[in-house]
Amino acid sequence: MDRYRITKGQLNRLIDSFVHPLFREHGAKAVLADGLLHAIVEGDVEESVIKFVRYNAKYLIKSPKKRK
């Protein structure tokens, strides 16, 4: 039986497609989950932290949405 190999890039795009739509509704929790999932895929903690700050800091800095 032939095996289908999934690349890190494919896994990262899959994570993005599921988690990014949750950013607006779930805020920081979804952003942190996104970073954690990408770190697991990458397997390099230092590089993952650098990328997390580069790509997700803007979502964490925004003021929290007002609750009703």
PDB file of N, CA and C in Angstrom:
ATOM      1  N   MET A   1       0.844  -1.176   0.000  1.00  0.00           N
ATOM      2  CA  MET A   1       0.000   0.000   0.000  1.00  0.00           C
ATOM      3  C   MET A   1       0.892   1.242   0.000  1.00  0.00           C
ATOM      4  N   ASP A   2       0.602   2.172  -0.898  1.00  0.00           N
ATOM      5  CA  ASP A   2       1.362   3.422  -0.958  1.00  0.00           C
ATOM      6  C   ASP A   2       0.938   4.340   0.175  1.00  0.00           C
ATOM      7  N   ARG A   3       1.911   5.035   0.723  1.00  0.00           N
ATOM      8  CA  ARG A   3       1.630   5.992   1.798  1.00  0.00           C
ATOM      9  C   ARG A   3       1.647   7.393   1.226  1.00  0.00           C
ATOM     10  N   TYR A   4       0.717   8.192   1.697  1.00  0.00           N
ATOM     11  CA  TYR A   4       0.661   9.594   1.305  1.00  0.00           C
ATOM     12  C   TYR A   4       1.380  10.402   2.372  1.00  0.00           C
ATOM     13  N   ARG A   5       2.386  11.153   1.985  1.00  0.00           N
ATOM     14  CA  ARG A   5       3.143  11.963   2.940  1.00  0.00           C
ATOM     15  C   ARG A   5       2.547  13.367   3.010  1.00  0.00           C
ATOM     16  N   ILE A   6       2.330  13.815   4.221  1.00  0.00           N
ATOM     17  CA  ILE A   6       1.834  15.161   4.451  1.00  0.00           C
ATOM     18  C   ILE A   6       3.012  16.008   4.918  1.00  0.00           C
ATOM     19  N   THR A   7       3.207  17.146   4.279  1.00  0.00           N
ATOM     20  CA  THR A   7       4.333  18.013   4.625  1.00  0.00           C
ATOM     21  C   THR A   7       3.969  18.916   5.806  1.00  0.00           C
ATOM     22  N   LYS A   8       4.991  19.514   6.409  1.00  0.00           N
ATOM     23  CA  LYS A   8       4.757  20.475   7.489  1.00  0.00           C
ATOM     24  C   LYS A   8       3.932  21.650   6.979  1.00  0.00           C
ATOM     25  N   GLY A   9       4.225  22.069   5.776  1.00  0.00           N
ATOM     26  CA  GLY A   9       3.472  23.183   5.184  1.00  0.00           C
ATOM     27  C   GLY A   9       1.993  22.862   5.045  1.00  0.00           C
ATOM     28  N   GLN A  10       1.690  21.636   4.622  1.00  0.00           N
ATOM     29  CA  GLN A  10       0.288  21.224   4.489  1.00  0.00           C
ATOM     30  C   GLN A  10      -0.394  21.195   5.854  1.00  0.00           C
ATOM     31  N   LEU A  11       0.301  20.678   6.860  1.00  0.00           N
ATOM     32  CA  LEU A  11      -0.269  20.648   8.209  1.00  0.00           C
ATOM     33  C   LEU A  11      -0.499  22.066   8.730  1.00  0.00           C
ATOM     34  N   ASN A  12       0.449  22.951   8.496  1.00  0.00           N
ATOM     35  CA  ASN A  12       0.306  24.330   8.952  1.00  0.00           C
ATOM     36  C   ASN A  12      -0.868  25.026   8.271  1.00  0.00           C
ATOM     37  N   ARG A  13      -1.042  24.788   6.988  1.00  0.00           N
ATOM     38  CA  ARG A  13      -2.196  25.379   6.284  1.00  0.00           C
ATOM     39  C   ARG A  13      -3.509  24.811   6.820  1.00  0.00           C
ATOM     40  N   LEU A  14      -3.529  23.528   7.153  1.00  0.00           N
ATOM     41  CA  LEU A  14      -4.719  22.908   7.728  1.00  0.00           C
ATOM     42  C   LEU A  14      -5.056  23.546   9.077  1.00  0.00           C
ATOM     43  N   ILE A  15      -4.036  23.721   9.914  1.00  0.00           N
ATOM     44  CA  ILE A  15      -4.233  24.378  11.214  1.00  0.00           C
ATOM     45  C   ILE A  15      -4.794  25.779  10.991  1.00  0.00           C
ATOM     46  N   ASP A  16      -4.197  26.532  10.073  1.00  0.00           N
ATOM     47  CA  ASP A  16      -4.663  27.890   9.789  1.00  0.00           C
ATOM     48  C   ASP A  16      -6.120  27.904   9.351  1.00  0.00           C
ATOM     49  N   SER A  17      -6.496  26.961   8.502  1.00  0.00           N
ATOM     50  CA  SER A  17      -7.865  26.958   7.973  1.00  0.00           C
ATOM     51  C   SER A  17      -8.903  26.654   9.058  1.00  0.00           C
ATOM     52  N   PHE A  18      -8.502  25.909  10.081  1.00  0.00           N
ATOM     53  CA  PHE A  18      -9.439  25.602  11.164  1.00  0.00           C
ATOM     54  C   PHE A  18      -9.422  26.631  12.287  1.00  0.00           C
ATOM     55  N   VAL A  19      -8.238  27.133  12.619  1.00  0.00           N
ATOM     56  CA  VAL A  19      -8.109  27.969  13.812  1.00  0.00           C
ATOM     57  C   VAL A  19      -8.291  29.457  13.525  1.00  0.00           C
ATOM     58  N   HIS A  20      -7.778  29.969  12.410  1.00  0.00           N
ATOM     59  CA  HIS A  20      -7.855  31.402  12.147  1.00  0.00           C
ATOM     60  C   HIS A  20      -9.284  31.950  12.139  1.00  0.00           C
ATOM     61  N   PRO A  21     -10.264  31.226  11.609  1.00  0.00           N
ATOM     62  CA  PRO A  21     -11.636  31.745  11.678  1.00  0.00           C
ATOM     63  C   PRO A  21     -12.150  31.916  13.116  1.00  0.00           C
ATOM     64  N   LEU A  22     -11.509  31.284  14.077  1.00  0.00           N
ATOM     65  CA  LEU A  22     -11.937  31.376  15.475  1.00  0.00           C
ATOM     66  C   LEU A  22     -11.339  32.583  16.200  1.00  0.00           C
ATOM     67  N   PHE A  23     -10.374  33.264  15.582  1.00  0.00           N
ATOM     68  CA  PHE A  23      -9.696  34.380  16.243  1.00  0.00           C
ATOM     69  C   PHE A  23     -10.684  35.451  16.705  1.00  0.00           C
ATOM     70  N   ARG A  24     -11.595  35.826  15.840  1.00  0.00           N
ATOM     71  CA  ARG A  24     -12.500  36.934  16.168  1.00  0.00           C
ATOM     72  C   ARG A  24     -13.415  36.571  17.338  1.00  0.00           C
ATOM     73  N   GLU A  25     -13.945  35.364  17.340  1.00  0.00           N
ATOM     74  CA  GLU A  25     -14.896  34.967  18.378  1.00  0.00           C
ATOM     75  C   GLU A  25     -14.215  34.579  19.690  1.00  0.00           C
ATOM     76  N   HIS A  26     -13.076  33.899  19.611  1.00  0.00           N
ATOM     77  CA  HIS A  26     -12.449  33.361  20.818  1.00  0.00           C
ATOM     78  C   HIS A  26     -11.175  34.091  21.239  1.00  0.00           C
ATOM     79  N   GLY A  27     -10.761  35.066  20.466  1.00  0.00           N
ATOM     80  CA  GLY A  27      -9.651  35.935  20.827  1.00  0.00           C
ATOM     81  C   GLY A  27      -8.342  35.229  21.142  1.00  0.00           C
ATOM     82  N   ALA A  28      -7.764  35.628  22.277  1.00  0.00           N
ATOM     83  CA  ALA A  28      -6.428  35.176  22.655  1.00  0.00           C
ATOM     84  C   ALA A  28      -6.334  33.657  22.787  1.00  0.00           C
ATOM     85  N   LYS A  29      -7.409  33.018  23.226  1.00  0.00           N
ATOM     86  CA  LYS A  29      -7.371  31.555  23.371  1.00  0.00           C
ATOM     87  C   LYS A  29      -7.109  30.879  22.032  1.00  0.00           C
ATOM     88  N   ALA A  30      -7.774  31.352  20.987  1.00  0.00           N
ATOM     89  CA  ALA A  30      -7.583  30.767  19.660  1.00  0.00           C
ATOM     90  C   ALA A  30      -6.192  31.091  19.120  1.00  0.00           C
ATOM     91  N   VAL A  31      -5.711  32.309  19.384  1.00  0.00           N
ATOM     92  CA  VAL A  31      -4.371  32.694  18.930  1.00  0.00           C
ATOM     93  C   VAL A  31      -3.318  31.817  19.605  1.00  0.00           C
ATOM     94  N   LEU A  32      -3.461  31.595  20.898  1.00  0.00           N
ATOM     95  CA  LEU A  32      -2.515  30.751  21.626  1.00  0.00           C
ATOM     96  C   LEU A  32      -2.588  29.294  21.161  1.00  0.00           C
ATOM     97  N   ALA A  33      -3.796  28.808  20.904  1.00  0.00           N
ATOM     98  CA  ALA A  33      -3.952  27.442  20.396  1.00  0.00           C
ATOM     99  C   ALA A  33      -3.271  27.307  19.036  1.00  0.00           C
ATOM    100  N   ASP A  34      -3.429  28.313  18.193  1.00  0.00           N
ATOM    101  CA  ASP A  34      -2.789  28.327  16.880  1.00  0.00           C
ATOM    102  C   ASP A  34      -1.267  28.226  17.029  1.00  0.00           C
ATOM    103  N   GLY A  35      -0.717  29.039  17.910  1.00  0.00           N
ATOM    104  CA  GLY A  35       0.728  29.019  18.127  1.00  0.00           C
ATOM    105  C   GLY A  35       1.216  27.680  18.649  1.00  0.00           C
ATOM    106  N   LEU A  36       0.471  27.109  19.579  1.00  0.00           N
ATOM    107  CA  LEU A  36       0.849  25.814  20.146  1.00  0.00           C
ATOM    108  C   LEU A  36       0.806  24.711  19.090  1.00  0.00           C
ATOM    109  N   LEU A  37      -0.237  24.681  18.290  1.00  0.00           N
ATOM    110  CA  LEU A  37      -0.349  23.662  17.243  1.00  0.00           C
ATOM    111  C   LEU A  37       0.780  23.784  16.214  1.00  0.00           C
ATOM    112  N   HIS A  38       1.097  25.021  15.818  1.00  0.00           N
ATOM    113  CA  HIS A  38       2.194  25.222  14.875  1.00  0.00           C
ATOM    114  C   HIS A  38       3.526  24.804  15.496  1.00  0.00           C
ATOM    115  N   ALA A  39       3.715  25.081  16.787  1.00  0.00           N
ATOM    116  CA  ALA A  39       4.959  24.692  17.469  1.00  0.00           C
ATOM    117  C   ALA A  39       5.109  23.174  17.494  1.00  0.00           C
ATOM    118  N   ILE A  40       4.018  22.477  17.713  1.00  0.00           N
ATOM    119  CA  ILE A  40       4.062  21.008  17.712  1.00  0.00           C
ATOM    120  C   ILE A  40       4.475  20.496  16.342  1.00  0.00           C
ATOM    121  N   VAL A  41       3.910  21.070  15.296  1.00  0.00           N
ATOM    122  CA  VAL A  41       4.239  20.639  13.932  1.00  0.00           C
ATOM    123  C   VAL A  41       5.701  20.932  13.624  1.00  0.00           C
ATOM    124  N   GLU A  42       6.159  22.121  13.983  1.00  0.00           N
ATOM    125  CA  GLU A  42       7.533  22.525  13.655  1.00  0.00           C
ATOM    126  C   GLU A  42       8.572  21.776  14.477  1.00  0.00           C
ATOM    127  N   GLY A  43       8.287  21.520  15.743  1.00  0.00           N
ATOM    128  CA  GLY A  43       9.228  20.793  16.578  1.00  0.00           C
ATOM    129  C   GLY A  43      10.451  21.586  16.996  1.00  0.00           C
ATOM    130  N   ASP A  44      10.437  22.900  16.795  1.00  0.00           N
ATOM    131  CA  ASP A  44      11.560  23.767  17.162  1.00  0.00           C
ATOM    132  C   ASP A  44      11.002  24.909  18.006  1.00  0.00           C
ATOM    133  N   VAL A  45      11.193  24.811  19.309  1.00  0.00           N
ATOM    134  CA  VAL A  45      10.582  25.762  20.239  1.00  0.00           C
ATOM    135  C   VAL A  45      11.050  27.193  19.972  1.00  0.00           C
ATOM    136  N   GLU A  46      12.348  27.384  19.835  1.00  0.00           N
ATOM    137  CA  GLU A  46      12.878  28.742  19.646  1.00  0.00           C
ATOM    138  C   GLU A  46      12.318  29.389  18.379  1.00  0.00           C
ATOM    139  N   GLU A  47      12.358  28.677  17.280  1.00  0.00           N
ATOM    140  CA  GLU A  47      11.835  29.202  16.016  1.00  0.00           C
ATOM    141  C   GLU A  47      10.328  29.434  16.109  1.00  0.00           C
ATOM    142  N   SER A  48       9.617  28.563  16.805  1.00  0.00           N
ATOM    143  CA  SER A  48       8.173  28.709  16.955  1.00  0.00           C
ATOM    144  C   SER A  48       7.815  29.961  17.749  1.00  0.00           C
ATOM    145  N   VAL A  49       8.581  30.259  18.784  1.00  0.00           N
ATOM    146  CA  VAL A  49       8.331  31.470  19.579  1.00  0.00           C
ATOM    147  C   VAL A  49       8.563  32.712  18.728  1.00  0.00           C
ATOM    148  N   ILE A  50       9.639  32.713  17.950  1.00  0.00           N
ATOM    149  CA  ILE A  50       9.928  33.861  17.076  1.00  0.00           C
ATOM    150  C   ILE A  50       8.804  34.066  16.069  1.00  0.00           C
ATOM    151  N   LYS A  51       8.368  32.987  15.430  1.00  0.00           N
ATOM    152  CA  LYS A  51       7.286  33.088  14.453  1.00  0.00           C
ATOM    153  C   LYS A  51       5.968  33.491  15.113  1.00  0.00           C
ATOM    154  N   PHE A  52       5.718  32.975  16.320  1.00  0.00           N
ATOM    155  CA  PHE A  52       4.482  33.318  17.025  1.00  0.00           C
ATOM    156  C   PHE A  52       4.423  34.814  17.282  1.00  0.00           C
ATOM    157  N   VAL A  53       5.505  35.368  17.773  1.00  0.00           N
ATOM    158  CA  VAL A  53       5.541  36.808  18.051  1.00  0.00           C
ATOM    159  C   VAL A  53       5.396  37.591  16.748  1.00  0.00           C
ATOM    160  N   ARG A  54       6.097  37.169  15.718  1.00  0.00           N
ATOM    161  CA  ARG A  54       6.057  37.880  14.435  1.00  0.00           C
ATOM    162  C   ARG A  54       4.642  37.913  13.844  1.00  0.00           C
ATOM    163  N   TYR A  55       3.963  36.783  13.862  1.00  0.00           N
ATOM    164  CA  TYR A  55       2.685  36.692  13.157  1.00  0.00           C
ATOM    165  C   TYR A  55       1.447  36.878  14.035  1.00  0.00           C
ATOM    166  N   ASN A  56       1.570  36.728  15.342  1.00  0.00           N
ATOM    167  CA  ASN A  56       0.374  36.753  16.183  1.00  0.00           C
ATOM    168  C   ASN A  56       0.331  37.844  17.234  1.00  0.00           C
ATOM    169  N   ALA A  57       1.406  38.555  17.436  1.00  0.00           N
ATOM    170  CA  ALA A  57       1.415  39.600  18.458  1.00  0.00           C
ATOM    171  C   ALA A  57       0.308  40.623  18.211  1.00  0.00           C
ATOM    172  N   LYS A  58       0.057  40.953  16.955  1.00  0.00           N
ATOM    173  CA  LYS A  58      -0.966  41.961  16.641  1.00  0.00           C
ATOM    174  C   LYS A  58      -2.351  41.534  17.130  1.00  0.00           C
ATOM    175  N   TYR A  59      -2.624  40.240  17.142  1.00  0.00           N
ATOM    176  CA  TYR A  59      -3.923  39.762  17.617  1.00  0.00           C
ATOM    177  C   TYR A  59      -4.026  39.831  19.139  1.00  0.00           C
ATOM    178  N   LEU A  60      -2.897  39.683  19.822  1.00  0.00           N
ATOM    179  CA  LEU A  60      -2.899  39.713  21.280  1.00  0.00           C
ATOM    180  C   LEU A  60      -2.864  41.141  21.812  1.00  0.00           C
ATOM    181  N   ILE A  61      -2.334  42.079  21.030  1.00  0.00           N
ATOM    182  CA  ILE A  61      -2.208  43.460  21.468  1.00  0.00           C
ATOM    183  C   ILE A  61      -3.533  44.200  21.338  1.00  0.00           C
ATOM    184  N   LYS A  62      -4.358  43.830  20.387  1.00  0.00           N
ATOM    185  CA  LYS A  62      -5.643  44.497  20.183  1.00  0.00           C
ATOM    186  C   LYS A  62      -6.452  44.458  21.480  1.00  0.00           C
ATOM    187  N   SER A  63      -7.184  45.528  21.696  1.00  0.00           N
ATOM    188  CA  SER A  63      -7.987  45.573  22.915  1.00  0.00           C
ATOM    189  C   SER A  63      -9.087  44.523  22.839  1.00  0.00           C
ATOM    190  N   PRO A  64      -9.440  43.921  23.981  1.00  0.00           N
ATOM    191  CA  PRO A  64     -10.481  42.886  23.985  1.00  0.00           C
ATOM    192  C   PRO A  64     -11.825  43.467  23.578  1.00  0.00           C
ATOM    193  N   LYS A  65     -12.633  42.629  22.942  1.00  0.00           N
ATOM    194  CA  LYS A  65     -13.942  43.108  22.519  1.00  0.00           C
ATOM    195  C   LYS A  65     -14.827  43.320  23.743  1.00  0.00           C
ATOM    196  N   LYS A  66     -15.739  44.249  23.603  1.00  0.00           N
ATOM    197  CA  LYS A  66     -16.634  44.578  24.709  1.00  0.00           C
ATOM    198  C   LYS A  66     -17.671  43.488  24.883  1.00  0.00           C
ATOM    199  N   ARG A  67     -17.916  43.127  26.112  1.00  0.00           N
ATOM    200  CA  ARG A  67     -18.939  42.114  26.398  1.00  0.00           C
ATOM    201  C   ARG A  67     -20.261  42.793  26.672  1.00  0.00           C
ATOM    202  N   LYS A  68     -21.315  42.136  26.295  1.00  0.00           N
ATOM    203  CA  LYS A  68     -22.662  42.693  26.515  1.00  0.00           C
ATOM    204  C   LYS A  68     -23.162  42.369  27.886  1.00  0.00           C
TER     205      LYS A  68
END
